[in-house]
C-alpha atoms as a PDB file:
ATOM      1  CA  MET A   1     -30.619  14.238   0.378  1.00  0.00           C
ATOM      2  CA  ASN A   2     -27.316  13.396  -1.352  1.00  0.00           C
ATOM      3  CA  THR A   3     -26.989   9.645  -1.957  1.00  0.00           C
ATOM      4  CA  GLU A   4     -23.735   9.736  -3.910  1.00  0.00           C
ATOM      5  CA  THR A   5     -21.069   7.377  -2.677  1.00  0.00           C
ATOM      6  CA  VAL A   6     -17.453   8.432  -2.720  1.00  0.00           C
ATOM      7  CA  TYR A   7     -15.161   6.052  -4.568  1.00  0.00           C
ATOM      8  CA  GLU A   8     -12.099   5.124  -2.541  1.00  0.00           C
ATOM      9  CA  PRO A   9      -9.583   3.014  -4.481  1.00  0.00           C
ATOM     10  CA  ASN A  10      -7.850   0.071  -2.834  1.00  0.00           C
ATOM     11  CA  ILE A  11      -4.129   0.842  -2.872  1.00  0.00           C
ATOM     12  CA  VAL A  12      -1.440  -1.665  -1.888  1.00  0.00           C
ATOM     13  CA  ALA A  13       1.929  -0.231  -0.845  1.00  0.00           C
ATOM     14  CA  LEU A  14       4.811  -2.669  -1.258  1.00  0.00           C
ATOM     15  CA  CYS A  15       7.432  -1.215   1.085  1.00  0.00           C
ATOM     16  CA  CYS A  16      11.075  -2.109   1.570  1.00  0.00           C
ATOM     17  CA  MET A  17      11.423  -3.445   5.109  1.00  0.00           C
ATOM     18  CA  HIS A  18      14.576  -1.407   5.746  1.00  0.00           C
ATOM     19  CA  CYS A  19      13.474   2.066   4.676  1.00  0.00           C
ATOM     20  CA  ALA A  20       9.942   2.708   3.415  1.00  0.00           C
ATOM     21  CA  TYR A  21       8.266   0.324   5.873  1.00  0.00           C
ATOM     22  CA  ALA A  22      10.221   1.893   8.734  1.00  0.00           C
ATOM     23  CA  ALA A  23       8.885   5.303   7.652  1.00  0.00           C
ATOM     24  CA  ALA A  24       5.299   3.967   7.522  1.00  0.00           C
ATOM     25  CA  ASP A  25       5.773   2.423  10.964  1.00  0.00           C
ATOM     26  CA  LEU A  26       7.083   5.723  12.340  1.00  0.00           C
ATOM     27  CA  ALA A  27       4.083   7.549  10.854  1.00  0.00           C
ATOM     28  CA  GLY A  28       1.758   5.079  12.572  1.00  0.00           C
ATOM     29  CA  SER A  29       3.484   5.354  15.933  1.00  0.00           C
ATOM     30  CA  SER A  30       3.377   9.163  15.581  1.00  0.00           C
ATOM     31  CA  ARG A  31      -0.403   8.826  15.119  1.00  0.00           C
ATOM     32  CA  PHE A  32      -0.482  10.151  11.568  1.00  0.00           C
ATOM     33  CA  GLY A  33      -3.492   8.664   9.860  1.00  0.00           C
ATOM     34  CA  TYR A  34      -3.910   7.116   6.457  1.00  0.00           C
ATOM     35  CA  PRO A  35      -7.056   5.798   4.812  1.00  0.00           C
ATOM     36  CA  PRO A  36      -8.192   2.245   5.586  1.00  0.00           C
ATOM     37  CA  SER A  37      -8.168   1.521   1.846  1.00  0.00           C
ATOM     38  CA  LEU A  38      -4.334   1.677   1.925  1.00  0.00           C
ATOM     39  CA  LYS A  39      -2.738  -1.677   2.698  1.00  0.00           C
ATOM     40  CA  ILE A  40       0.961  -1.633   3.605  1.00  0.00           C
ATOM     41  CA  VAL A  41       2.974  -4.781   2.894  1.00  0.00           C
ATOM     42  CA  ALA A  42       6.551  -5.149   4.148  1.00  0.00           C
ATOM     43  CA  MET A  43       8.927  -6.756   1.650  1.00  0.00           C
ATOM     44  CA  PRO A  44      12.553  -7.806   2.206  1.00  0.00           C
ATOM     45  CA  CYS A  45      13.606  -5.649  -0.762  1.00  0.00           C
ATOM     46  CA  THR A  46      11.459  -3.877  -3.348  1.00  0.00           C
ATOM     47  CA  GLY A  47      14.257  -4.405  -5.875  1.00  0.00           C
ATOM     48  CA  ARG A  48      13.220  -8.059  -6.012  1.00  0.00           C
ATOM     49  CA  THR A  49       9.603  -7.275  -6.903  1.00  0.00           C
ATOM     50  CA  ASP A  50       8.724  -8.945 -10.168  1.00  0.00           C
ATOM     51  CA  MET A  51       5.778  -8.664 -12.519  1.00  0.00           C
ATOM     52  CA  GLY A  52       4.145 -11.737 -10.948  1.00  0.00           C
ATOM     53  CA  HIS A  53       3.820  -9.944  -7.588  1.00  0.00           C
ATOM     54  CA  LEU A  54       2.207  -6.942  -9.249  1.00  0.00           C
ATOM     55  CA  LEU A  55      -0.210  -8.961 -11.365  1.00  0.00           C
ATOM     56  CA  LYS A  56      -1.254 -11.094  -8.362  1.00  0.00           C
ATOM     57  CA  THR A  57      -1.937  -7.917  -6.377  1.00  0.00           C
ATOM     58  CA  PHE A  58      -4.254  -6.641  -9.118  1.00  0.00           C
ATOM     59  CA  GLU A  59      -5.935 -10.056  -9.380  1.00  0.00           C
ATOM     60  CA  ASP A  60      -6.614  -9.915  -5.620  1.00  0.00           C
ATOM     61  CA  GLY A  61      -8.556  -6.676  -6.057  1.00  0.00           C
ATOM     62  CA  ALA A  62      -6.100  -3.796  -5.808  1.00  0.00           C
ATOM     63  CA  ASP A  63      -6.881  -0.709  -7.854  1.00  0.00           C
ATOM     64  CA  GLY A  64      -3.332   0.610  -7.620  1.00  0.00           C
ATOM     65  CA  ILE A  65       0.112  -0.325  -6.347  1.00  0.00           C
ATOM     66  CA  LEU A  66       2.792   1.837  -4.769  1.00  0.00           C
ATOM     67  CA  VAL A  67       6.287   0.358  -4.710  1.00  0.00           C
ATOM     68  CA  ALA A  68       8.393   2.265  -2.177  1.00  0.00           C
ATOM     69  CA  GLY A  69      12.034   1.579  -1.536  1.00  0.00           C
END
């Protein structure tokens, strides 16, 4: 019996509300799936993301961050 567990990293996607989040929303309404370990966060503009946002995301347990604009 194989008792190995598969590591699934926690990824946070910081998405621009006007473009990348709209694409993620369209993917969801089209019933395309993505892993439950991916958390999508809508932001007013990814251009205003600063280092504090990124560090706080890692402190809260994220293994990786995707900034999509």
